[in-house]
Amino acid sequence: MAPSVAPADPVAAELEGWLKVPRAERTALSEQAFAGAPLDKAGAERAKALLWGDHAARIKAERAGEMKAKSITLGDKTMRFEMLSFGKTKLTGAAQLIHLDARRAMQRRRSTNRNTRTRSGWALP
């Protein structure tokens, strides 16, 4: 007796097809016919994995320049960073340290603190 094979999930197949369309040509997900279809637990997990994979690929492509330049820019603010790996951990395979360059912020904080300190301690307001 052969084991029964579960039928392919039509919602997941339609979602995969929608995700294969280039992002600029996609219509809104909420406008798709399959978007309102009920999902079982396995189908929901599959849809979540597909959507997360698509999102992660988009972010990776959009942020590739920042990773190469090792700096993050938001508006007119830019912060440099460095990633270092130290050995391996059980969970992720590598222990990492991400160093954000916050020297300017620290210098501003120090100069502000110097202005409010007195010889005997902190100045009262």
PDB file of N, CA and C in Angstrom:
ATOM      1  N   MET A   1       0.842  -1.174   0.000  1.00  0.00           N
ATOM      2  CA  MET A   1       0.000   0.000   0.000  1.00  0.00           C
ATOM      3  C   MET A   1       0.886   1.235   0.000  1.00  0.00           C
ATOM      4  N   ALA A   2       0.721   2.103  -0.974  1.00  0.00           N
ATOM      5  CA  ALA A   2       1.535   3.307  -1.110  1.00  0.00           C
ATOM      6  C   ALA A   2       1.025   4.380  -0.161  1.00  0.00           C
ATOM      7  N   PRO A   3       1.932   5.189   0.416  1.00  0.00           N
ATOM      8  CA  PRO A   3       1.490   6.274   1.298  1.00  0.00           C
ATOM      9  C   PRO A   3       0.724   7.313   0.482  1.00  0.00           C
ATOM     10  N   SER A   4      -0.270   7.894   1.126  1.00  0.00           N
ATOM     11  CA  SER A   4      -1.063   8.892   0.430  1.00  0.00           C
ATOM     12  C   SER A   4      -0.277  10.195   0.340  1.00  0.00           C
ATOM     13  N   VAL A   5      -0.367  10.828  -0.789  1.00  0.00           N
ATOM     14  CA  VAL A   5       0.330  12.087  -1.013  1.00  0.00           C
ATOM     15  C   VAL A   5      -0.689  13.212  -0.908  1.00  0.00           C
ATOM     16  N   ALA A   6      -0.380  14.200  -0.082  1.00  0.00           N
ATOM     17  CA  ALA A   6      -1.300  15.317   0.093  1.00  0.00           C
ATOM     18  C   ALA A   6      -1.353  16.119  -1.210  1.00  0.00           C
ATOM     19  N   PRO A   7      -2.528  16.556  -1.607  1.00  0.00           N
ATOM     20  CA  PRO A   7      -2.609  17.356  -2.826  1.00  0.00           C
ATOM     21  C   PRO A   7      -1.886  18.688  -2.644  1.00  0.00           C
ATOM     22  N   ALA A   8      -1.360  19.195  -3.734  1.00  0.00           N
ATOM     23  CA  ALA A   8      -0.637  20.473  -3.676  1.00  0.00           C
ATOM     24  C   ALA A   8      -1.598  21.581  -3.252  1.00  0.00           C
ATOM     25  N   ASP A   9      -1.100  22.479  -2.442  1.00  0.00           N
ATOM     26  CA  ASP A   9      -1.923  23.578  -1.953  1.00  0.00           C
ATOM     27  C   ASP A   9      -2.084  24.610  -3.070  1.00  0.00           C
ATOM     28  N   PRO A  10      -3.300  24.810  -3.588  1.00  0.00           N
ATOM     29  CA  PRO A  10      -3.476  25.759  -4.698  1.00  0.00           C
ATOM     30  C   PRO A  10      -3.181  27.203  -4.291  1.00  0.00           C
ATOM     31  N   VAL A  11      -3.426  27.561  -3.034  1.00  0.00           N
ATOM     32  CA  VAL A  11      -3.154  28.924  -2.585  1.00  0.00           C
ATOM     33  C   VAL A  11      -1.641  29.182  -2.612  1.00  0.00           C
ATOM     34  N   ALA A  12      -0.860  28.217  -2.130  1.00  0.00           N
ATOM     35  CA  ALA A  12       0.595  28.375  -2.128  1.00  0.00           C
ATOM     36  C   ALA A  12       1.119  28.455  -3.561  1.00  0.00           C
ATOM     37  N   ALA A  13       0.537  27.672  -4.459  1.00  0.00           N
ATOM     38  CA  ALA A  13       0.965  27.705  -5.859  1.00  0.00           C
ATOM     39  C   ALA A  13       0.669  29.070  -6.481  1.00  0.00           C
ATOM     40  N   GLU A  14      -0.500  29.628  -6.193  1.00  0.00           N
ATOM     41  CA  GLU A  14      -0.836  30.952  -6.723  1.00  0.00           C
ATOM     42  C   GLU A  14       0.050  32.031  -6.103  1.00  0.00           C
ATOM     43  N   LEU A  15       0.349  31.896  -4.815  1.00  0.00           N
ATOM     44  CA  LEU A  15       1.231  32.852  -4.151  1.00  0.00           C
ATOM     45  C   LEU A  15       2.629  32.793  -4.760  1.00  0.00           C
ATOM     46  N   GLU A  16       3.135  31.588  -5.011  1.00  0.00           N
ATOM     47  CA  GLU A  16       4.446  31.444  -5.646  1.00  0.00           C
ATOM     48  C   GLU A  16       4.449  32.107  -7.022  1.00  0.00           C
ATOM     49  N   GLY A  17       3.373  31.913  -7.769  1.00  0.00           N
ATOM     50  CA  GLY A  17       3.268  32.547  -9.080  1.00  0.00           C
ATOM     51  C   GLY A  17       3.264  34.063  -8.978  1.00  0.00           C
ATOM     52  N   TRP A  18       2.561  34.591  -7.988  1.00  0.00           N
ATOM     53  CA  TRP A  18       2.501  36.047  -7.788  1.00  0.00           C
ATOM     54  C   TRP A  18       3.874  36.587  -7.399  1.00  0.00           C
ATOM     55  N   LEU A  19       4.610  35.828  -6.571  1.00  0.00           N
ATOM     56  CA  LEU A  19       5.930  36.271  -6.137  1.00  0.00           C
ATOM     57  C   LEU A  19       6.956  36.218  -7.266  1.00  0.00           C
ATOM     58  N   LYS A  20       6.725  35.396  -8.290  1.00  0.00           N
ATOM     59  CA  LYS A  20       7.651  35.310  -9.424  1.00  0.00           C
ATOM     60  C   LYS A  20       7.537  36.516 -10.351  1.00  0.00           C
ATOM     61  N   VAL A  21       6.421  37.219 -10.281  1.00  0.00           N
ATOM     62  CA  VAL A  21       6.237  38.432 -11.091  1.00  0.00           C
ATOM     63  C   VAL A  21       7.178  39.502 -10.531  1.00  0.00           C
ATOM     64  N   PRO A  22       7.872  40.257 -11.399  1.00  0.00           N
ATOM     65  CA  PRO A  22       8.747  41.327 -10.887  1.00  0.00           C
ATOM     66  C   PRO A  22       7.972  42.287  -9.983  1.00  0.00           C
ATOM     67  N   ARG A  23       8.629  42.748  -8.946  1.00  0.00           N
ATOM     68  CA  ARG A  23       7.993  43.567  -7.911  1.00  0.00           C
ATOM     69  C   ARG A  23       7.300  44.810  -8.484  1.00  0.00           C
ATOM     70  N   ALA A  24       7.895  45.441  -9.468  1.00  0.00           N
ATOM     71  CA  ALA A  24       7.310  46.653 -10.043  1.00  0.00           C
ATOM     72  C   ALA A  24       6.011  46.365 -10.792  1.00  0.00           C
ATOM     73  N   GLU A  25       5.836  45.138 -11.262  1.00  0.00           N
ATOM     74  CA  GLU A  25       4.648  44.779 -12.046  1.00  0.00           C
ATOM     75  C   GLU A  25       3.557  44.119 -11.209  1.00  0.00           C
ATOM     76  N   ARG A  26       3.831  43.826  -9.952  1.00  0.00           N
ATOM     77  CA  ARG A  26       2.844  43.151  -9.102  1.00  0.00           C
ATOM     78  C   ARG A  26       1.697  44.078  -8.743  1.00  0.00           C
ATOM     79  N   THR A  27       0.489  43.502  -8.710  1.00  0.00           N
ATOM     80  CA  THR A  27      -0.642  44.235  -8.142  1.00  0.00           C
ATOM     81  C   THR A  27      -0.628  43.966  -6.642  1.00  0.00           C
ATOM     82  N   ALA A  28      -1.403  44.694  -5.901  1.00  0.00           N
ATOM     83  CA  ALA A  28      -1.422  44.532  -4.442  1.00  0.00           C
ATOM     84  C   ALA A  28      -1.831  43.107  -4.068  1.00  0.00           C
ATOM     85  N   LEU A  29      -1.215  42.574  -3.055  1.00  0.00           N
ATOM     86  CA  LEU A  29      -1.522  41.214  -2.600  1.00  0.00           C
ATOM     87  C   LEU A  29      -2.974  41.105  -2.170  1.00  0.00           C
ATOM     88  N   SER A  30      -3.496  42.141  -1.533  1.00  0.00           N
ATOM     89  CA  SER A  30      -4.882  42.103  -1.054  1.00  0.00           C
ATOM     90  C   SER A  30      -5.883  42.043  -2.205  1.00  0.00           C
ATOM     91  N   GLU A  31      -5.465  42.416  -3.418  1.00  0.00           N
ATOM     92  CA  GLU A  31      -6.356  42.378  -4.579  1.00  0.00           C
ATOM     93  C   GLU A  31      -6.371  41.021  -5.269  1.00  0.00           C
ATOM     94  N   GLN A  32      -5.504  40.115  -4.858  1.00  0.00           N
ATOM     95  CA  GLN A  32      -5.427  38.798  -5.481  1.00  0.00           C
ATOM     96  C   GLN A  32      -6.576  37.919  -5.000  1.00  0.00           C
ATOM     97  N   ALA A  33      -7.077  37.059  -5.887  1.00  0.00           N
ATOM     98  CA  ALA A  33      -8.205  36.189  -5.562  1.00  0.00           C
ATOM     99  C   ALA A  33      -7.849  35.201  -4.448  1.00  0.00           C
ATOM    100  N   PHE A  34      -6.604  34.737  -4.432  1.00  0.00           N
ATOM    101  CA  PHE A  34      -6.201  33.742  -3.430  1.00  0.00           C
ATOM    102  C   PHE A  34      -5.955  34.350  -2.055  1.00  0.00           C
ATOM    103  N   ALA A  35      -5.875  35.671  -1.955  1.00  0.00           N
ATOM    104  CA  ALA A  35      -5.539  36.318  -0.684  1.00  0.00           C
ATOM    105  C   ALA A  35      -6.592  36.090   0.388  1.00  0.00           C
ATOM    106  N   GLY A  36      -7.843  35.945   0.011  1.00  0.00           N
ATOM    107  CA  GLY A  36      -8.908  35.742   0.986  1.00  0.00           C
ATOM    108  C   GLY A  36      -9.243  34.284   1.233  1.00  0.00           C
ATOM    109  N   ALA A  37      -8.537  33.384   0.563  1.00  0.00           N
ATOM    110  CA  ALA A  37      -8.826  31.950   0.718  1.00  0.00           C
ATOM    111  C   ALA A  37      -8.363  31.455   2.085  1.00  0.00           C
ATOM    112  N   PRO A  38      -9.134  30.574   2.706  1.00  0.00           N
ATOM    113  CA  PRO A  38      -8.723  30.039   4.012  1.00  0.00           C
ATOM    114  C   PRO A  38      -7.506  29.132   3.867  1.00  0.00           C
ATOM    115  N   LEU A  39      -6.673  29.118   4.898  1.00  0.00           N
ATOM    116  CA  LEU A  39      -5.469  28.286   4.913  1.00  0.00           C
ATOM    117  C   LEU A  39      -5.489  27.362   6.116  1.00  0.00           C
ATOM    118  N   ASP A  40      -4.961  26.169   5.928  1.00  0.00           N
ATOM    119  CA  ASP A  40      -4.758  25.301   7.083  1.00  0.00           C
ATOM    120  C   ASP A  40      -3.403  25.680   7.699  1.00  0.00           C
ATOM    121  N   LYS A  41      -3.016  25.023   8.764  1.00  0.00           N
ATOM    122  CA  LYS A  41      -1.798  25.394   9.476  1.00  0.00           C
ATOM    123  C   LYS A  41      -0.563  25.241   8.581  1.00  0.00           C
ATOM    124  N   ALA A  42      -0.485  24.138   7.847  1.00  0.00           N
ATOM    125  CA  ALA A  42       0.665  23.909   6.976  1.00  0.00           C
ATOM    126  C   ALA A  42       0.703  24.939   5.849  1.00  0.00           C
ATOM    127  N   GLY A  43      -0.446  25.271   5.286  1.00  0.00           N
ATOM    128  CA  GLY A  43      -0.515  26.266   4.224  1.00  0.00           C
ATOM    129  C   GLY A  43      -0.114  27.640   4.718  1.00  0.00           C
ATOM    130  N   ALA A  44      -0.531  27.971   5.943  1.00  0.00           N
ATOM    131  CA  ALA A  44      -0.169  29.263   6.529  1.00  0.00           C
ATOM    132  C   ALA A  44       1.341  29.349   6.750  1.00  0.00           C
ATOM    133  N   GLU A  45       1.943  28.262   7.229  1.00  0.00           N
ATOM    134  CA  GLU A  45       3.393  28.241   7.435  1.00  0.00           C
ATOM    135  C   GLU A  45       4.123  28.393   6.108  1.00  0.00           C
ATOM    136  N   ARG A  46       3.632  27.717   5.076  1.00  0.00           N
ATOM    137  CA  ARG A  46       4.242  27.806   3.741  1.00  0.00           C
ATOM    138  C   ARG A  46       4.127  29.245   3.204  1.00  0.00           C
ATOM    139  N   ALA A  47       2.950  29.850   3.337  1.00  0.00           N
ATOM    140  CA  ALA A  47       2.747  31.217   2.866  1.00  0.00           C
ATOM    141  C   ALA A  47       3.645  32.183   3.632  1.00  0.00           C
ATOM    142  N   LYS A  48       3.770  31.984   4.932  1.00  0.00           N
ATOM    143  CA  LYS A  48       4.622  32.848   5.743  1.00  0.00           C
ATOM    144  C   LYS A  48       6.077  32.736   5.291  1.00  0.00           C
ATOM    145  N   ALA A  49       6.535  31.505   5.022  1.00  0.00           N
ATOM    146  CA  ALA A  49       7.910  31.301   4.574  1.00  0.00           C
ATOM    147  C   ALA A  49       8.152  31.951   3.208  1.00  0.00           C
ATOM    148  N   LEU A  50       7.187  31.827   2.302  1.00  0.00           N
ATOM    149  CA  LEU A  50       7.326  32.432   0.972  1.00  0.00           C
ATOM    150  C   LEU A  50       7.383  33.955   1.056  1.00  0.00           C
ATOM    151  N   LEU A  51       6.474  34.539   1.835  1.00  0.00           N
ATOM    152  CA  LEU A  51       6.435  35.996   1.965  1.00  0.00           C
ATOM    153  C   LEU A  51       7.678  36.531   2.656  1.00  0.00           C
ATOM    154  N   TRP A  52       8.142  35.823   3.702  1.00  0.00           N
ATOM    155  CA  TRP A  52       9.339  36.277   4.400  1.00  0.00           C
ATOM    156  C   TRP A  52      10.561  36.174   3.496  1.00  0.00           C
ATOM    157  N   GLY A  53      10.658  35.103   2.715  1.00  0.00           N
ATOM    158  CA  GLY A  53      11.775  34.954   1.785  1.00  0.00           C
ATOM    159  C   GLY A  53      11.807  36.073   0.763  1.00  0.00           C
ATOM    160  N   ASP A  54      10.629  36.463   0.259  1.00  0.00           N
ATOM    161  CA  ASP A  54      10.544  37.555  -0.703  1.00  0.00           C
ATOM    162  C   ASP A  54      10.958  38.877  -0.047  1.00  0.00           C
ATOM    163  N   HIS A  55      10.495  39.118   1.168  1.00  0.00           N
ATOM    164  CA  HIS A  55      10.843  40.335   1.898  1.00  0.00           C
ATOM    165  C   HIS A  55      12.349  40.396   2.171  1.00  0.00           C
ATOM    166  N   ALA A  56      12.924  39.285   2.620  1.00  0.00           N
ATOM    167  CA  ALA A  56      14.360  39.248   2.922  1.00  0.00           C
ATOM    168  C   ALA A  56      15.186  39.497   1.664  1.00  0.00           C
ATOM    169  N   ALA A  57      14.773  38.944   0.528  1.00  0.00           N
ATOM    170  CA  ALA A  57      15.492  39.164  -0.731  1.00  0.00           C
ATOM    171  C   ALA A  57      15.428  40.634  -1.137  1.00  0.00           C
ATOM    172  N   ARG A  58      14.274  41.277  -0.937  1.00  0.00           N
ATOM    173  CA  ARG A  58      14.121  42.689  -1.280  1.00  0.00           C
ATOM    174  C   ARG A  58      15.033  43.556  -0.407  1.00  0.00           C
ATOM    175  N   ILE A  59      15.029  43.307   0.892  1.00  0.00           N
ATOM    176  CA  ILE A  59      15.866  44.089   1.818  1.00  0.00           C
ATOM    177  C   ILE A  59      17.343  43.882   1.497  1.00  0.00           C
ATOM    178  N   LYS A  60      17.728  42.641   1.216  1.00  0.00           N
ATOM    179  CA  LYS A  60      19.127  42.351   0.894  1.00  0.00           C
ATOM    180  C   LYS A  60      19.556  43.118  -0.349  1.00  0.00           C
ATOM    181  N   ALA A  61      18.698  43.168  -1.360  1.00  0.00           N
ATOM    182  CA  ALA A  61      19.026  43.889  -2.589  1.00  0.00           C
ATOM    183  C   ALA A  61      19.067  45.400  -2.349  1.00  0.00           C
ATOM    184  N   GLU A  62      18.112  45.923  -1.576  1.00  0.00           N
ATOM    185  CA  GLU A  62      18.064  47.364  -1.324  1.00  0.00           C
ATOM    186  C   GLU A  62      19.221  47.840  -0.449  1.00  0.00           C
ATOM    187  N   ARG A  63      19.654  47.023   0.479  1.00  0.00           N
ATOM    188  CA  ARG A  63      20.676  47.437   1.444  1.00  0.00           C
ATOM    189  C   ARG A  63      22.084  46.974   1.078  1.00  0.00           C
ATOM    190  N   ALA A  64      22.273  46.392  -0.100  1.00  0.00           N
ATOM    191  CA  ALA A  64      23.590  45.882  -0.489  1.00  0.00           C
ATOM    192  C   ALA A  64      24.633  46.992  -0.495  1.00  0.00           C
ATOM    193  N   GLY A  65      24.268  48.173  -0.982  1.00  0.00           N
ATOM    194  CA  GLY A  65      25.202  49.297  -1.009  1.00  0.00           C
ATOM    195  C   GLY A  65      25.637  49.725   0.380  1.00  0.00           C
ATOM    196  N   GLU A  66      24.690  49.731   1.320  1.00  0.00           N
ATOM    197  CA  GLU A  66      25.022  50.105   2.701  1.00  0.00           C
ATOM    198  C   GLU A  66      25.952  49.082   3.335  1.00  0.00           C
ATOM    199  N   MET A  67      25.716  47.814   3.044  1.00  0.00           N
ATOM    200  CA  MET A  67      26.580  46.782   3.620  1.00  0.00           C
ATOM    201  C   MET A  67      27.986  46.876   3.037  1.00  0.00           C
ATOM    202  N   LYS A  68      28.085  47.178   1.742  1.00  0.00           N
ATOM    203  CA  LYS A  68      29.390  47.296   1.104  1.00  0.00           C
ATOM    204  C   LYS A  68      30.131  48.524   1.630  1.00  0.00           C
ATOM    205  N   ALA A  69      29.421  49.639   1.796  1.00  0.00           N
ATOM    206  CA  ALA A  69      30.030  50.868   2.306  1.00  0.00           C
ATOM    207  C   ALA A  69      30.206  50.850   3.820  1.00  0.00           C
ATOM    208  N   LYS A  70      29.572  49.909   4.499  1.00  0.00           N
ATOM    209  CA  LYS A  70      29.595  49.788   5.960  1.00  0.00           C
ATOM    210  C   LYS A  70      29.128  51.070   6.632  1.00  0.00           C
ATOM    211  N   SER A  71      28.021  51.607   6.112  1.00  0.00           N
ATOM    212  CA  SER A  71      27.408  52.777   6.733  1.00  0.00           C
ATOM    213  C   SER A  71      25.911  52.764   6.449  1.00  0.00           C
ATOM    214  N   ILE A  72      25.149  53.247   7.418  1.00  0.00           N
ATOM    215  CA  ILE A  72      23.698  53.314   7.307  1.00  0.00           C
ATOM    216  C   ILE A  72      23.328  54.788   7.260  1.00  0.00           C
ATOM    217  N   THR A  73      22.497  55.161   6.283  1.00  0.00           N
ATOM    218  CA  THR A  73      22.083  56.542   6.138  1.00  0.00           C
ATOM    219  C   THR A  73      20.572  56.638   6.234  1.00  0.00           C
ATOM    220  N   LEU A  74      20.100  57.484   7.130  1.00  0.00           N
ATOM    221  CA  LEU A  74      18.683  57.788   7.272  1.00  0.00           C
ATOM    222  C   LEU A  74      18.544  59.299   7.247  1.00  0.00           C
ATOM    223  N   GLY A  75      17.909  59.803   6.207  1.00  0.00           N
ATOM    224  CA  GLY A  75      17.780  61.254   6.071  1.00  0.00           C
ATOM    225  C   GLY A  75      19.143  61.871   5.864  1.00  0.00           C
ATOM    226  N   ASP A  76      19.500  62.831   6.714  1.00  0.00           N
ATOM    227  CA  ASP A  76      20.806  63.487   6.601  1.00  0.00           C
ATOM    228  C   ASP A  76      21.823  62.923   7.591  1.00  0.00           C
ATOM    229  N   LYS A  77      21.480  61.862   8.283  1.00  0.00           N
ATOM    230  CA  LYS A  77      22.363  61.245   9.275  1.00  0.00           C
ATOM    231  C   LYS A  77      22.993  59.982   8.696  1.00  0.00           C
ATOM    232  N   THR A  78      24.295  59.806   8.921  1.00  0.00           N
ATOM    233  CA  THR A  78      25.016  58.622   8.473  1.00  0.00           C
ATOM    234  C   THR A  78      25.787  58.051   9.645  1.00  0.00           C
ATOM    235  N   MET A  79      25.690  56.739   9.840  1.00  0.00           N
ATOM    236  CA  MET A  79      26.417  56.069  10.910  1.00  0.00           C
ATOM    237  C   MET A  79      27.200  54.901  10.307  1.00  0.00           C
ATOM    238  N   ARG A  80      28.486  54.876  10.561  1.00  0.00           N
ATOM    239  CA  ARG A  80      29.325  53.779  10.094  1.00  0.00           C
ATOM    240  C   ARG A  80      29.202  52.602  11.046  1.00  0.00           C
ATOM    241  N   PHE A  81      29.477  51.394  10.528  1.00  0.00           N
ATOM    242  CA  PHE A  81      29.470  50.217  11.382  1.00  0.00           C
ATOM    243  C   PHE A  81      30.538  49.246  10.918  1.00  0.00           C
ATOM    244  N   GLU A  82      30.881  48.323  11.786  1.00  0.00           N
ATOM    245  CA  GLU A  82      31.853  47.284  11.491  1.00  0.00           C
ATOM    246  C   GLU A  82      31.332  45.990  12.087  1.00  0.00           C
ATOM    247  N   MET A  83      31.475  44.902  11.365  1.00  0.00           N
ATOM    248  CA  MET A  83      31.046  43.600  11.873  1.00  0.00           C
ATOM    249  C   MET A  83      32.274  42.717  12.046  1.00  0.00           C
ATOM    250  N   LEU A  84      32.417  42.139  13.223  1.00  0.00           N
ATOM    251  CA  LEU A  84      33.531  41.255  13.526  1.00  0.00           C
ATOM    252  C   LEU A  84      32.981  39.912  13.970  1.00  0.00           C
ATOM    253  N   SER A  85      33.625  38.815  13.588  1.00  0.00           N
ATOM    254  CA  SER A  85      33.207  37.474  14.005  1.00  0.00           C
ATOM    255  C   SER A  85      34.245  36.895  14.947  1.00  0.00           C
ATOM    256  N   PHE A  86      33.762  36.284  16.018  1.00  0.00           N
ATOM    257  CA  PHE A  86      34.626  35.665  17.006  1.00  0.00           C
ATOM    258  C   PHE A  86      34.184  34.234  17.213  1.00  0.00           C
ATOM    259  N   GLY A  87      34.864  33.261  16.653  1.00  0.00           N
ATOM    260  CA  GLY A  87      34.544  31.867  16.879  1.00  0.00           C
ATOM    261  C   GLY A  87      33.158  31.488  16.405  1.00  0.00           C
ATOM    262  N   LYS A  88      32.627  30.428  16.991  1.00  0.00           N
ATOM    263  CA  LYS A  88      31.300  29.948  16.607  1.00  0.00           C
ATOM    264  C   LYS A  88      30.438  29.746  17.846  1.00  0.00           C
ATOM    265  N   THR A  89      29.146  29.997  17.686  1.00  0.00           N
ATOM    266  CA  THR A  89      28.194  29.724  18.748  1.00  0.00           C
ATOM    267  C   THR A  89      27.317  28.571  18.320  1.00  0.00           C
ATOM    268  N   LYS A  90      26.565  28.013  19.233  1.00  0.00           N
ATOM    269  CA  LYS A  90      25.705  26.874  18.933  1.00  0.00           C
ATOM    270  C   LYS A  90      24.500  27.282  18.093  1.00  0.00           C
ATOM    271  N   LEU A  91      23.962  28.487  18.318  1.00  0.00           N
ATOM    272  CA  LEU A  91      22.722  28.871  17.653  1.00  0.00           C
ATOM    273  C   LEU A  91      22.915  29.340  16.227  1.00  0.00           C
ATOM    274  N   THR A  92      23.819  30.255  15.988  1.00  0.00           N
ATOM    275  CA  THR A  92      23.924  30.860  14.662  1.00  0.00           C
ATOM    276  C   THR A  92      25.154  30.435  13.895  1.00  0.00           C
ATOM    277  N   GLY A  93      26.109  29.802  14.549  1.00  0.00           N
ATOM    278  CA  GLY A  93      27.311  29.390  13.850  1.00  0.00           C
ATOM    279  C   GLY A  93      28.465  30.357  14.016  1.00  0.00           C
ATOM    280  N   ALA A  94      28.201  31.634  14.297  1.00  0.00           N
ATOM    281  CA  ALA A  94      29.281  32.597  14.489  1.00  0.00           C
ATOM    282  C   ALA A  94      28.842  33.678  15.459  1.00  0.00           C
ATOM    283  N   ALA A  95      29.692  33.983  16.412  1.00  0.00           N
ATOM    284  CA  ALA A  95      29.417  35.080  17.325  1.00  0.00           C
ATOM    285  C   ALA A  95      29.844  36.359  16.630  1.00  0.00           C
ATOM    286  N   GLN A  96      28.986  37.345  16.607  1.00  0.00           N
ATOM    287  CA  GLN A  96      29.308  38.578  15.906  1.00  0.00           C
ATOM    288  C   GLN A  96      29.202  39.771  16.831  1.00  0.00           C
ATOM    289  N   LEU A  97      30.017  40.745  16.559  1.00  0.00           N
ATOM    290  CA  LEU A  97      29.978  42.018  17.252  1.00  0.00           C
ATOM    291  C   LEU A  97      29.755  43.078  16.190  1.00  0.00           C
ATOM    292  N   ILE A  98      28.723  43.877  16.363  1.00  0.00           N
ATOM    293  CA  ILE A  98      28.460  44.968  15.438  1.00  0.00           C
ATOM    294  C   ILE A  98      28.801  46.260  16.164  1.00  0.00           C
ATOM    295  N   HIS A  99      29.761  46.991  15.633  1.00  0.00           N
ATOM    296  CA  HIS A  99      30.225  48.219  16.252  1.00  0.00           C
ATOM    297  C   HIS A  99      29.673  49.397  15.472  1.00  0.00           C
ATOM    298  N   LEU A 100      28.874  50.205  16.115  1.00  0.00           N
ATOM    299  CA  LEU A 100      28.342  51.407  15.487  1.00  0.00           C
ATOM    300  C   LEU A 100      29.194  52.589  15.909  1.00  0.00           C
ATOM    301  N   ASP A 101      29.592  53.380  14.963  1.00  0.00           N
ATOM    302  CA  ASP A 101      30.462  54.522  15.239  1.00  0.00           C
ATOM    303  C   ASP A 101      29.614  55.665  15.772  1.00  0.00           C
ATOM    304  N   ALA A 102      29.658  55.872  17.071  1.00  0.00           N
ATOM    305  CA  ALA A 102      28.863  56.914  17.704  1.00  0.00           C
ATOM    306  C   ALA A 102      29.778  57.927  18.388  1.00  0.00           C
ATOM    307  N   ARG A 103      30.968  58.119  17.828  1.00  0.00           N
ATOM    308  CA  ARG A 103      31.927  59.030  18.451  1.00  0.00           C
ATOM    309  C   ARG A 103      31.394  60.447  18.563  1.00  0.00           C
ATOM    310  N   ARG A 104      30.748  60.943  17.516  1.00  0.00           N
ATOM    311  CA  ARG A 104      30.253  62.318  17.560  1.00  0.00           C
ATOM    312  C   ARG A 104      29.210  62.495  18.655  1.00  0.00           C
ATOM    313  N   ALA A 105      28.325  61.522  18.783  1.00  0.00           N
ATOM    314  CA  ALA A 105      27.301  61.612  19.831  1.00  0.00           C
ATOM    315  C   ALA A 105      27.953  61.590  21.207  1.00  0.00           C
ATOM    316  N   MET A 106      28.960  60.737  21.376  1.00  0.00           N
ATOM    317  CA  MET A 106      29.637  60.671  22.670  1.00  0.00           C
ATOM    318  C   MET A 106      30.388  61.971  22.951  1.00  0.00           C
ATOM    319  N   GLN A 107      31.008  62.570  21.936  1.00  0.00           N
ATOM    320  CA  GLN A 107      31.714  63.831  22.151  1.00  0.00           C
ATOM    321  C   GLN A 107      30.736  64.931  22.546  1.00  0.00           C
ATOM    322  N   ARG A 108      29.578  64.968  21.898  1.00  0.00           N
ATOM    323  CA  ARG A 108      28.569  65.961  22.267  1.00  0.00           C
ATOM    324  C   ARG A 108      28.109  65.747  23.703  1.00  0.00           C
ATOM    325  N   ARG A 109      27.894  64.488  24.092  1.00  0.00           N
ATOM    326  CA  ARG A 109      27.428  64.185  25.437  1.00  0.00           C
ATOM    327  C   ARG A 109      28.485  64.601  26.463  1.00  0.00           C
ATOM    328  N   ARG A 110      29.764  64.332  26.178  1.00  0.00           N
ATOM    329  CA  ARG A 110      30.830  64.700  27.097  1.00  0.00           C
ATOM    330  C   ARG A 110      30.925  66.211  27.254  1.00  0.00           C
ATOM    331  N   SER A 111      30.833  66.947  26.150  1.00  0.00           N
ATOM    332  CA  SER A 111      30.946  68.399  26.258  1.00  0.00           C
ATOM    333  C   SER A 111      29.760  68.977  27.023  1.00  0.00           C
ATOM    334  N   THR A 112      28.576  68.408  26.870  1.00  0.00           N
ATOM    335  CA  THR A 112      27.416  68.857  27.628  1.00  0.00           C
ATOM    336  C   THR A 112      27.613  68.570  29.103  1.00  0.00           C
ATOM    337  N   ASN A 113      28.141  67.402  29.440  1.00  0.00           N
ATOM    338  CA  ASN A 113      28.378  67.052  30.837  1.00  0.00           C
ATOM    339  C   ASN A 113      29.420  67.956  31.468  1.00  0.00           C
ATOM    340  N   ARG A 114      30.451  68.332  30.717  1.00  0.00           N
ATOM    341  CA  ARG A 114      31.477  69.219  31.250  1.00  0.00           C
ATOM    342  C   ARG A 114      30.888  70.579  31.624  1.00  0.00           C
ATOM    343  N   ASN A 115      29.941  71.034  30.847  1.00  0.00           N
ATOM    344  CA  ASN A 115      29.344  72.346  31.103  1.00  0.00           C
ATOM    345  C   ASN A 115      28.441  72.341  32.330  1.00  0.00           C
ATOM    346  N   THR A 116      27.930  71.192  32.737  1.00  0.00           N
ATOM    347  CA  THR A 116      27.011  71.148  33.870  1.00  0.00           C
ATOM    348  C   THR A 116      27.681  70.657  35.149  1.00  0.00           C
ATOM    349  N   ARG A 117      28.953  70.285  35.094  1.00  0.00           N
ATOM    350  CA  ARG A 117      29.635  69.810  36.295  1.00  0.00           C
ATOM    351  C   ARG A 117      30.352  70.959  36.998  1.00  0.00           C
ATOM    352  N   THR A 118      30.437  70.832  38.304  1.00  0.00           N
ATOM    353  CA  THR A 118      31.233  71.780  39.083  1.00  0.00           C
ATOM    354  C   THR A 118      32.371  71.003  39.722  1.00  0.00           C
ATOM    355  N   ARG A 119      33.237  71.703  40.432  1.00  0.00           N
ATOM    356  CA  ARG A 119      34.369  71.034  41.065  1.00  0.00           C
ATOM    357  C   ARG A 119      33.919  70.028  42.105  1.00  0.00           C
ATOM    358  N   SER A 120      32.838  70.313  42.823  1.00  0.00           N
ATOM    359  CA  SER A 120      32.400  69.429  43.903  1.00  0.00           C
ATOM    360  C   SER A 120      31.407  68.364  43.425  1.00  0.00           C
ATOM    361  N   GLY A 121      30.991  68.420  42.207  1.00  0.00           N
ATOM    362  CA  GLY A 121      30.025  67.438  41.712  1.00  0.00           C
ATOM    363  C   GLY A 121      29.116  68.052  40.687  1.00  0.00           C
ATOM    364  N   TRP A 122      27.899  67.544  40.568  1.00  0.00           N
ATOM    365  CA  TRP A 122      26.979  68.058  39.570  1.00  0.00           C
ATOM    366  C   TRP A 122      26.330  69.362  40.039  1.00  0.00           C
ATOM    367  N   ALA A 123      26.187  70.277  39.111  1.00  0.00           N
ATOM    368  CA  ALA A 123      25.549  71.562  39.418  1.00  0.00           C
ATOM    369  C   ALA A 123      24.056  71.342  39.568  1.00  0.00           C
ATOM    370  N   LEU A 124      23.450  72.051  40.495  1.00  0.00           N
ATOM    371  CA  LEU A 124      22.011  71.953  40.670  1.00  0.00           C
ATOM    372  C   LEU A 124      21.311  72.882  39.688  1.00  0.00           C
ATOM    373  N   PRO A 125      20.169  72.474  39.171  1.00  0.00           N
ATOM    374  CA  PRO A 125      19.460  73.348  38.212  1.00  0.00           C
ATOM    375  C   PRO A 125      18.911  74.583  38.866  1.00  0.00           C
TER     376      PRO A 125
END
